[in-house]
Amino acid sequence: MKKFLIIRYKKSVGDTIIGTTLCEDLKKKYPDSEVHYLVYENLTELFLNHKYIDKVLTLNRKEGAKGYLKLLRQIRKEKYYAVIDCRSIPLTLYLTIFSGAEIKIGKYKKYRHIFYDYAIKGMENKMNQIKKYHMMLKPLGVETVTTEYKTYLTDEEKSLWKKKMEESGIDFSRLVIPIAVNARQTFKKYPEEYMEKIIRTLAEKYGCQIILTYSPAEEEDTKQMYNKLSDIKKNIFINLKTKNVRELACVFSNCDLFVGNEGGTRHVAEMAGLANIAIISPETDKKEWLSNENEKNQCIDVNDVNGKEYLDIKPEYVMERIEKQLKTFNYFGKKI
């Protein structure tokens, strides 16, 4: 039985999520194989019970060199047929070199390409991220490109989080909308005054319950937004904290629509099957990150409003798009 290791060891949630499409297409090409996935330690839970991932590996960075050697021994013990190094940085290159794999695939980089059996050129080009990284599977005969991705949550997990949400005060007879008001990269952040207007419209016009989502690094900025919304705080939820990204996906599985900046949180929403609408900054190419744009997975960029700057995407236009999404994907039959 062949074993494959895909290394996508990166802090970025979105990059790691879309990497699961490589696992899926590799598994479909070699159905009797095992496909393992190496990810950042805070993302491992998200891929548990995944249909196309047999084992999730990570590096315990707190253990330093000891943790690295422990991971290397684990990789060598697996006796992989092929290692696909999607990062191709020194840390992952050494894991690949000493893996003992028959086939080693990585990005073409000066001085490093000689260590791979197949060094893929063109990885620095701007193009759709899923299609780009699928180029690394071609030496293995994988030609199909899956663009959809999902997380495999159990009914018990979703029900548990629905109960927790109810205990926090959420009324599921009304619309529940998580909103990402911040972004890990500041240039991706939609103007605060515009986002505030959208939140107010949703709360006042539709009685929506808004869950403000944020990472630990974004907590202070999100609290500032919450304070601006103090007059409608009965509709705003900021303390629904999750321990990991999988729990966030469980929250999303009980919601009606995700709205927010393009980024990892939106990818989690899409992975959880939640209809979503992302507002994309002028510096971001939507074709690069929205691999599966359709009625359910929507985005708004300056081209939609014949504009050039973020400020050209007015909240009134965003609300038009949100209202259309709510009417199209009213999963729970709520009054809109």
Protein backbone atom coordinates (compact mmCIF):
# COMPACT_ATOMS: atom_id res chain seq x y z
CA MET A 1 0.00 0.00 0.00
CA LYS A 2 1.33 3.41 -1.01
CA LYS A 3 1.52 6.20 1.55
CA PHE A 4 1.57 9.88 0.66
CA LEU A 5 2.44 12.90 2.79
CA ILE A 6 1.25 16.38 1.84
CA ILE A 7 3.08 19.10 3.76
CA ARG A 8 1.05 22.29 4.12
CA TYR A 9 2.66 23.47 7.33
CA LYS A 10 1.52 27.10 7.41
CA LYS A 11 -0.13 29.37 9.98
CA SER A 12 -2.73 30.53 7.44
CA VAL A 13 -6.13 28.88 7.94
CA GLY A 14 -7.28 29.50 4.37
CA ASP A 15 -4.16 28.01 2.75
CA THR A 16 -4.42 24.90 4.89
CA ILE A 17 -8.12 24.42 4.18
CA ILE A 18 -7.79 24.64 0.40
CA GLY A 19 -4.91 22.18 0.66
CA THR A 20 -7.42 19.46 1.54
CA THR A 21 -8.45 19.41 -2.12
CA LEU A 22 -5.02 17.95 -2.91
CA CYS A 23 -5.65 15.22 -0.36
CA GLU A 24 -9.01 14.46 -1.93
CA ASP A 25 -7.79 14.21 -5.52
CA LEU A 26 -4.74 12.16 -4.51
CA LYS A 27 -6.96 9.75 -2.57
CA LYS A 28 -9.37 9.42 -5.50
CA LYS A 29 -6.46 8.64 -7.84
CA TYR A 30 -5.04 6.07 -5.40
CA PRO A 31 -8.09 4.82 -3.44
CA ASP A 32 -6.16 2.03 -1.71
CA SER A 33 -3.48 4.38 -0.43
CA GLU A 34 -3.09 6.34 2.78
CA VAL A 35 -2.95 10.13 2.56
CA HIS A 36 -1.40 12.02 5.49
CA TYR A 37 -1.51 15.79 6.00
CA LEU A 38 1.08 17.84 7.90
CA VAL A 39 -0.40 21.10 9.25
CA TYR A 40 0.15 23.76 11.90
CA GLU A 41 -0.57 22.51 15.41
CA ASN A 42 -3.54 24.81 16.05
CA LEU A 43 -5.36 23.49 12.96
CA THR A 44 -5.15 19.72 13.47
CA GLU A 45 -8.67 19.29 14.93
CA LEU A 46 -10.31 20.78 11.85
CA PHE A 47 -9.29 17.78 9.74
CA LEU A 48 -10.30 14.99 12.10
CA ASN A 49 -12.62 12.38 10.55
CA HIS A 50 -11.89 13.81 7.10
CA LYS A 51 -13.02 11.45 4.36
CA TYR A 52 -9.83 11.86 2.34
CA ILE A 53 -7.22 12.28 5.10
CA ASP A 54 -6.10 9.15 6.92
CA LYS A 55 -3.78 10.84 9.41
CA VAL A 56 -3.02 14.40 10.50
CA LEU A 57 0.55 15.23 11.52
CA THR A 58 1.96 18.35 13.15
CA LEU A 59 5.10 19.76 14.71
CA ASN A 60 5.11 20.58 18.40
CA ARG A 61 7.05 23.84 18.27
CA LYS A 62 7.11 24.16 22.06
CA GLU A 63 9.50 21.19 22.17
CA GLY A 64 11.98 22.95 19.90
CA ALA A 65 14.60 20.70 18.28
CA LYS A 66 13.30 17.73 20.24
CA GLY A 67 9.86 18.14 18.67
CA TYR A 68 11.36 18.48 15.20
CA LEU A 69 13.41 15.29 15.55
CA LYS A 70 10.37 13.50 16.92
CA LEU A 71 8.36 14.49 13.84
CA LEU A 72 11.19 13.46 11.52
CA ARG A 73 11.37 10.02 13.14
CA GLN A 74 7.61 9.67 12.75
CA ILE A 75 7.83 10.59 9.05
CA ARG A 76 10.65 8.10 8.40
CA LYS A 77 8.73 5.38 10.22
CA GLU A 78 5.75 5.82 7.86
CA LYS A 79 7.89 4.90 4.82
CA TYR A 80 6.11 7.24 2.40
CA TYR A 81 6.03 6.51 -1.30
CA ALA A 82 5.85 10.25 -2.04
CA VAL A 83 6.15 13.51 -0.11
CA ILE A 84 4.59 16.66 -1.59
CA ASP A 85 6.22 19.67 0.06
CA CYS A 86 3.85 22.58 -0.61
CA ARG A 87 5.92 24.95 1.53
CA SER A 88 9.43 24.18 0.33
CA ILE A 89 11.03 26.24 3.08
CA PRO A 90 14.15 25.00 4.92
CA LEU A 91 12.11 23.48 7.77
CA THR A 92 9.95 21.38 5.44
CA LEU A 93 12.74 20.74 2.93
CA TYR A 94 14.80 18.88 5.55
CA LEU A 95 11.75 16.80 6.50
CA THR A 96 11.33 15.90 2.84
CA ILE A 97 15.00 15.12 2.20
CA PHE A 98 15.31 12.80 5.19
CA SER A 99 11.84 11.27 4.83
CA GLY A 100 13.21 8.37 2.83
CA ALA A 101 10.38 8.79 0.31
CA GLU A 102 10.83 7.33 -3.15
CA ILE A 103 9.42 10.49 -4.75
CA LYS A 104 10.01 14.00 -3.42
CA ILE A 105 8.06 16.91 -4.91
CA GLY A 106 8.53 20.59 -4.09
CA LYS A 107 8.54 24.10 -5.50
CA TYR A 108 11.31 25.16 -7.85
CA LYS A 109 13.58 27.46 -5.84
CA LYS A 110 17.14 28.48 -6.48
CA TYR A 111 19.64 26.14 -4.81
CA ARG A 112 16.86 23.99 -3.32
CA HIS A 113 15.36 22.42 -6.42
CA ILE A 114 18.18 19.88 -6.64
CA PHE A 115 16.87 18.14 -3.52
CA TYR A 116 13.51 17.29 -5.12
CA ASP A 117 12.84 14.64 -7.73
CA TYR A 118 10.29 17.01 -9.20
CA ALA A 119 10.71 20.76 -8.64
CA ILE A 120 7.59 22.50 -9.93
CA LYS A 121 8.11 25.81 -11.72
CA GLY A 122 5.61 28.68 -11.84
CA MET A 123 4.54 28.44 -8.20
CA GLU A 124 5.38 32.11 -7.67
CA ASN A 125 2.84 33.20 -10.31
CA LYS A 126 -0.45 34.78 -9.33
CA MET A 127 -3.21 32.36 -10.18
CA ASN A 128 -5.97 30.39 -8.54
CA GLN A 129 -4.44 28.86 -5.42
CA ILE A 130 -6.08 25.45 -5.74
CA LYS A 131 -5.10 25.05 -9.40
CA LYS A 132 -1.59 26.26 -8.60
CA TYR A 133 -0.91 23.68 -5.91
CA HIS A 134 -2.51 20.92 -7.96
CA MET A 135 0.43 21.32 -10.34
CA MET A 136 2.44 19.53 -7.65
CA LEU A 137 0.32 16.40 -8.11
CA LYS A 138 0.93 16.06 -11.85
CA PRO A 139 4.13 13.98 -11.41
CA LEU A 140 1.88 11.45 -9.64
CA GLY A 141 -0.56 11.33 -12.55
CA VAL A 142 -3.29 13.38 -10.86
CA GLU A 143 -5.05 15.55 -13.44
CA THR A 144 -8.40 16.29 -11.77
CA VAL A 145 -8.80 19.52 -9.79
CA THR A 146 -11.42 19.53 -7.05
CA THR A 147 -12.38 23.05 -5.96
CA GLU A 148 -14.93 22.25 -3.24
CA TYR A 149 -13.87 21.46 0.31
CA LYS A 150 -15.70 20.55 3.49
CA THR A 151 -15.18 19.62 7.10
CA TYR A 152 -16.63 16.41 8.48
CA LEU A 153 -18.45 17.44 11.63
CA THR A 154 -20.60 14.98 13.54
CA ASP A 155 -24.25 15.66 14.37
CA GLU A 156 -23.28 15.44 18.04
CA GLU A 157 -20.69 18.22 17.65
CA LYS A 158 -23.14 20.50 15.85
CA SER A 159 -25.89 19.85 18.39
CA LEU A 160 -23.53 20.51 21.30
CA TRP A 161 -22.62 23.89 19.89
CA LYS A 162 -26.23 24.74 19.11
CA LYS A 163 -26.99 24.17 22.78
CA LYS A 164 -24.05 26.36 23.83
CA MET A 165 -25.24 29.09 21.50
CA GLU A 166 -28.73 28.92 22.99
CA GLU A 167 -27.27 29.14 26.47
CA SER A 168 -25.41 32.30 25.42
CA GLY A 169 -28.74 33.88 24.51
CA ILE A 170 -29.09 33.15 20.80
CA ASP A 171 -32.66 32.63 19.58
CA PHE A 172 -32.69 30.27 16.62
CA SER A 173 -36.11 31.42 15.46
CA ARG A 174 -34.30 34.58 14.29
CA LEU A 175 -31.47 35.01 11.79
CA VAL A 176 -27.96 34.30 13.07
CA ILE A 177 -25.11 35.89 11.11
CA PRO A 178 -21.41 35.65 12.02
CA ILE A 179 -19.41 38.63 10.79
CA ALA A 180 -15.62 38.94 10.51
CA VAL A 181 -15.04 42.65 11.07
CA ASN A 182 -11.25 42.30 11.08
CA ALA A 183 -8.60 40.62 8.95
CA ARG A 184 -5.16 39.19 9.69
CA GLN A 185 -3.74 41.42 6.95
CA THR A 186 -4.82 45.03 7.45
CA PHE A 187 -5.15 45.77 3.73
CA LYS A 188 -7.98 43.22 3.62
CA LYS A 189 -10.04 45.09 6.22
CA TYR A 190 -13.25 46.71 4.95
CA PRO A 191 -13.70 50.28 6.34
CA GLU A 192 -14.99 50.10 9.93
CA GLU A 193 -17.66 52.77 9.48
CA TYR A 194 -19.08 50.83 6.52
CA MET A 195 -19.04 47.53 8.42
CA GLU A 196 -20.77 49.18 11.38
CA LYS A 197 -23.54 50.45 9.10
CA ILE A 198 -24.07 46.94 7.68
CA ILE A 199 -24.29 45.43 11.17
CA ARG A 200 -26.78 48.09 12.27
CA THR A 201 -28.95 47.54 9.20
CA LEU A 202 -29.02 43.78 9.75
CA ALA A 203 -29.91 44.20 13.43
CA GLU A 204 -32.48 46.95 13.04
CA LYS A 205 -34.17 45.92 9.78
CA TYR A 206 -34.16 42.15 10.22
CA GLY A 207 -33.58 41.67 13.93
CA CYS A 208 -30.50 39.63 13.08
CA GLN A 209 -28.28 38.30 15.83
CA ILE A 210 -24.70 39.13 14.95
CA ILE A 211 -21.79 36.99 16.14
CA LEU A 212 -18.54 38.96 15.95
CA THR A 213 -15.77 36.50 15.09
CA TYR A 214 -12.13 37.21 15.80
CA SER A 215 -8.74 35.66 16.49
CA PRO A 216 -6.85 36.41 19.73
CA ALA A 217 -4.81 39.03 17.87
CA GLU A 218 -8.00 40.76 16.72
CA GLU A 219 -9.79 40.79 20.09
CA GLU A 220 -9.10 44.42 21.03
CA ASP A 221 -10.16 45.80 17.64
CA THR A 222 -13.33 43.71 17.75
CA LYS A 223 -14.16 44.99 21.23
CA GLN A 224 -13.87 48.53 19.92
CA MET A 225 -16.47 47.71 17.26
CA TYR A 226 -18.67 46.11 19.93
CA ASN A 227 -18.49 49.27 22.03
CA LYS A 228 -19.65 51.34 19.06
CA LEU A 229 -22.69 49.08 18.87
CA SER A 230 -23.59 49.41 22.55
CA ASP A 231 -27.09 50.73 21.77
CA ILE A 232 -27.96 47.47 19.97
CA LYS A 233 -25.84 45.13 22.09
CA LYS A 234 -28.81 42.80 22.69
CA ASN A 235 -28.32 41.75 19.03
CA ILE A 236 -24.52 41.47 19.21
CA PHE A 237 -22.61 38.45 20.55
CA ILE A 238 -18.91 38.77 21.25
CA ASN A 239 -18.24 36.22 24.00
CA LEU A 240 -19.02 33.04 22.08
CA LYS A 241 -15.44 31.82 22.29
CA THR A 242 -14.17 28.64 20.66
CA LYS A 243 -11.04 26.67 21.55
CA ASN A 244 -10.07 25.83 17.99
CA VAL A 245 -11.08 26.23 14.36
CA ARG A 246 -13.16 23.03 14.38
CA GLU A 247 -15.39 24.48 17.10
CA LEU A 248 -15.77 27.63 15.00
CA ALA A 249 -16.94 25.44 12.12
CA CYS A 250 -19.51 23.90 14.50
CA VAL A 251 -20.81 27.40 15.30
CA PHE A 252 -21.04 28.22 11.59
CA SER A 253 -22.98 25.02 10.91
CA ASN A 254 -25.82 26.47 13.00
CA CYS A 255 -25.87 29.90 11.33
CA ASP A 256 -27.72 31.38 8.36
CA LEU A 257 -25.07 33.37 6.49
CA PHE A 258 -21.47 34.50 6.91
CA VAL A 259 -20.47 38.07 6.05
CA GLY A 260 -17.03 39.61 6.31
CA ASN A 261 -13.59 40.27 4.96
CA GLU A 262 -11.96 37.69 2.73
CA GLY A 263 -9.65 35.45 4.75
CA GLY A 264 -9.35 32.24 6.71
CA THR A 265 -12.64 32.71 8.57
CA ARG A 266 -14.54 32.82 5.28
CA HIS A 267 -12.85 29.59 4.22
CA VAL A 268 -14.03 27.99 7.47
CA ALA A 269 -17.58 29.12 6.68
CA GLU A 270 -17.40 27.62 3.19
CA MET A 271 -15.88 24.42 4.59
CA ALA A 272 -18.76 24.17 7.07
CA GLY A 273 -21.29 24.49 4.24
CA LEU A 274 -22.47 27.97 5.30
CA ALA A 275 -23.57 30.38 2.57
CA ASN A 276 -21.17 33.29 2.60
CA ILE A 277 -20.44 36.67 1.11
CA ALA A 278 -16.96 38.15 1.34
CA ILE A 279 -15.89 41.74 0.75
CA ILE A 280 -12.57 41.68 -1.11
CA SER A 281 -9.97 44.43 -0.95
CA PRO A 282 -8.75 46.10 -4.15
CA GLU A 283 -5.29 44.59 -3.51
CA THR A 284 -6.66 41.05 -3.58
CA ASP A 285 -7.46 39.11 -6.74
CA LYS A 286 -10.67 37.18 -6.11
CA LYS A 287 -9.75 34.59 -8.73
CA GLU A 288 -6.73 33.70 -6.62
CA TRP A 289 -8.67 32.86 -3.45
CA LEU A 290 -12.29 32.16 -4.44
CA SER A 291 -11.91 28.84 -6.19
CA ASN A 292 -15.57 27.94 -5.97
CA GLU A 293 -17.53 31.14 -6.55
CA ASN A 294 -21.20 30.38 -7.12
CA GLU A 295 -24.61 31.36 -5.73
CA LYS A 296 -23.65 30.04 -2.30
CA ASN A 297 -20.08 31.35 -2.13
CA GLN A 298 -20.20 34.99 -3.15
CA CYS A 299 -17.80 37.91 -3.11
CA ILE A 300 -17.90 41.64 -3.70
CA ASP A 301 -15.00 43.60 -5.14
CA VAL A 302 -14.45 47.03 -6.69
CA ASN A 303 -15.24 45.70 -10.17
CA ASP A 304 -18.83 45.06 -9.08
CA VAL A 305 -19.33 48.79 -8.46
CA ASN A 306 -17.02 50.13 -11.20
CA GLY A 307 -14.77 51.50 -8.50
CA LYS A 308 -11.09 51.62 -7.61
CA GLU A 309 -10.95 51.88 -3.82
CA TYR A 310 -12.46 50.07 -0.85
CA LEU A 311 -14.53 53.19 -0.13
CA ASP A 312 -16.25 52.74 -3.48
CA ILE A 313 -17.95 49.58 -2.18
CA LYS A 314 -20.79 51.27 -0.33
CA PRO A 315 -22.61 49.46 2.51
CA GLU A 316 -25.93 49.94 0.68
CA TYR A 317 -24.66 47.81 -2.20
CA VAL A 318 -23.32 45.18 0.20
CA MET A 319 -26.75 45.04 1.87
CA GLU A 320 -28.42 44.43 -1.50
CA ARG A 321 -26.18 41.42 -2.02
CA ILE A 322 -26.70 40.17 1.55
CA GLU A 323 -30.48 40.40 1.22
CA LYS A 324 -30.35 38.36 -1.98
CA GLN A 325 -28.24 35.70 -0.26
CA LEU A 326 -30.59 35.52 2.70
CA LYS A 327 -33.58 34.95 0.44
CA THR A 328 -31.78 32.37 -1.71
CA PHE A 329 -30.29 30.31 1.14
CA ASN A 330 -32.91 30.41 3.86
CA TYR A 331 -31.98 26.97 5.19
CA PHE A 332 -34.08 27.09 8.33
CA GLY A 333 -37.18 28.72 6.83
CA LYS A 334 -36.91 31.87 8.90
CA LYS A 335 -38.90 34.99 8.17
CA ILE A 336 -36.93 37.48 6.10
